[in-house]
Protein backbone atom coordinates (compact mmCIF):
# COMPACT_ATOMS: atom_id res chain seq x y z
CA UNK A 1 104.77 79.57 55.25
CA UNK A 2 104.94 78.89 51.51
CA UNK A 3 106.92 82.12 51.00
CA UNK A 4 109.48 81.04 53.61
CA UNK A 5 109.92 77.69 51.86
CA UNK A 6 110.48 79.42 48.52
CA UNK A 7 113.07 81.77 50.04
CA UNK A 8 114.94 78.90 51.68
CA UNK A 9 114.91 76.89 48.43
CA UNK A 10 116.14 79.90 46.44
CA UNK A 11 118.95 80.53 48.92
CA UNK A 12 119.99 76.90 48.63
CA UNK A 13 120.07 77.07 44.85
CA UNK A 14 122.18 80.20 44.91
CA UNK A 15 124.79 78.45 47.01
CA UNK A 16 125.08 75.41 44.72
CA UNK A 17 128.08 76.62 42.69
CA UNK A 18 130.06 76.84 45.92
CA UNK A 19 129.60 73.08 46.37
CA UNK A 20 131.53 72.21 43.20
CA UNK A 21 134.96 71.43 44.56
CA UNK A 22 136.79 69.94 41.60
CA UNK A 23 140.32 70.80 40.51
CA UNK A 24 140.27 72.23 36.97
CA UNK A 25 143.99 71.56 36.38
CA UNK A 26 143.56 67.91 37.37
CA UNK A 27 140.44 67.75 35.20
CA UNK A 28 142.38 68.95 32.18
CA UNK A 29 144.84 66.09 32.70
CA UNK A 30 141.95 63.62 32.95
CA UNK A 31 140.10 64.86 29.86
CA UNK A 32 142.05 62.96 27.18
CA UNK A 33 139.28 60.44 26.57
CA UNK A 34 136.73 63.25 26.20
CA UNK A 35 138.56 64.98 23.36
CA UNK A 36 137.48 62.69 20.53
CA UNK A 37 133.80 63.59 20.90
CA UNK A 38 133.76 66.85 22.85
CA UNK A 39 136.72 68.61 21.22
CA UNK A 40 140.06 69.90 22.44
CA UNK A 41 138.63 72.90 24.27
CA UNK A 42 135.22 71.42 25.02
CA UNK A 43 133.87 72.69 21.69
CA UNK A 44 132.72 70.11 19.19
CA UNK A 45 133.08 69.93 15.44
CA UNK A 46 130.39 67.23 15.12
CA UNK A 47 126.96 68.61 16.05
CA UNK A 48 125.65 65.35 17.52
CA UNK A 49 127.87 65.83 20.59
CA UNK A 50 127.35 68.60 23.14
CA UNK A 51 129.82 71.37 23.84
CA UNK A 52 131.14 71.11 27.39
CA UNK A 53 133.06 74.40 27.56
CA UNK A 54 131.47 76.79 30.03
CA UNK A 55 128.85 74.29 31.15
CA UNK A 56 127.76 74.47 34.80
CA UNK A 57 130.03 72.23 36.90
CA UNK A 58 127.26 70.81 39.06
CA UNK A 59 125.21 69.98 35.98
CA UNK A 60 128.19 68.12 34.49
CA UNK A 61 128.76 66.22 37.73
CA UNK A 62 125.12 65.16 37.91
CA UNK A 63 125.11 64.17 34.23
CA UNK A 64 128.26 62.05 34.52
CA UNK A 65 126.96 60.31 37.63
CA UNK A 66 123.66 59.65 35.86
CA UNK A 67 125.55 58.03 32.98
CA UNK A 68 127.47 55.89 35.49
CA UNK A 69 124.35 54.71 37.27
CA UNK A 70 122.38 54.13 34.09
CA UNK A 71 119.81 56.81 34.98
CA UNK A 72 120.48 58.44 31.61
CA UNK A 73 119.49 56.43 28.59
CA UNK A 74 119.07 56.84 24.87
CA UNK A 75 121.33 58.61 22.42
CA UNK A 76 124.95 58.10 23.32
CA UNK A 77 124.23 57.04 26.93
CA UNK A 78 125.75 53.57 26.57
CA UNK A 79 128.91 55.03 25.04
CA UNK A 80 129.13 57.57 27.87
CA UNK A 81 128.52 54.88 30.47
CA UNK A 82 131.53 52.97 29.16
CA UNK A 83 133.73 56.08 29.36
CA UNK A 84 132.67 57.12 32.87
CA UNK A 85 132.26 53.72 34.50
CA UNK A 86 135.75 53.80 36.04
CA UNK A 87 135.71 57.43 37.20
CA UNK A 88 135.74 58.27 40.89
CA UNK A 89 133.69 61.10 42.37
CA UNK A 90 136.90 63.16 42.50
CA UNK A 91 137.60 62.46 38.81
CA UNK A 92 134.07 63.60 37.93
CA UNK A 93 134.38 66.76 40.03
CA UNK A 94 137.74 67.56 38.42
CA UNK A 95 136.41 67.07 34.88
CA UNK A 96 133.36 69.18 35.67
CA UNK A 97 135.53 71.96 37.11
CA UNK A 98 137.79 71.88 34.04
CA UNK A 99 134.98 72.14 31.50
CA UNK A 100 133.18 74.78 33.55
CA UNK A 101 136.36 76.87 33.56
CA UNK A 102 136.56 77.01 29.74
CA UNK A 103 135.07 79.80 27.64
CA UNK A 104 131.88 78.66 25.90
């Protein structure tokens, strides 16, 4: 029974990238406020900020939603919360798709 649960969980994880449904072109248009900290192509020049280029889209979506809800704290969380507070789920999916589409 435990083996079956592990197989089902693994199959679910493998299908996760298919769930990311953002529009990378729209995300590029929405990324202007991200550029100051995360760089023009999602690659930073200041090491205190993370590179976003090539990052997993679902990870980015979850991270942005966690900033919105306040589930992420510390570091630059309050700054991020201010930037993402007005984003819709579609905006977040688009930004995630855009940054995931870039070369790391």
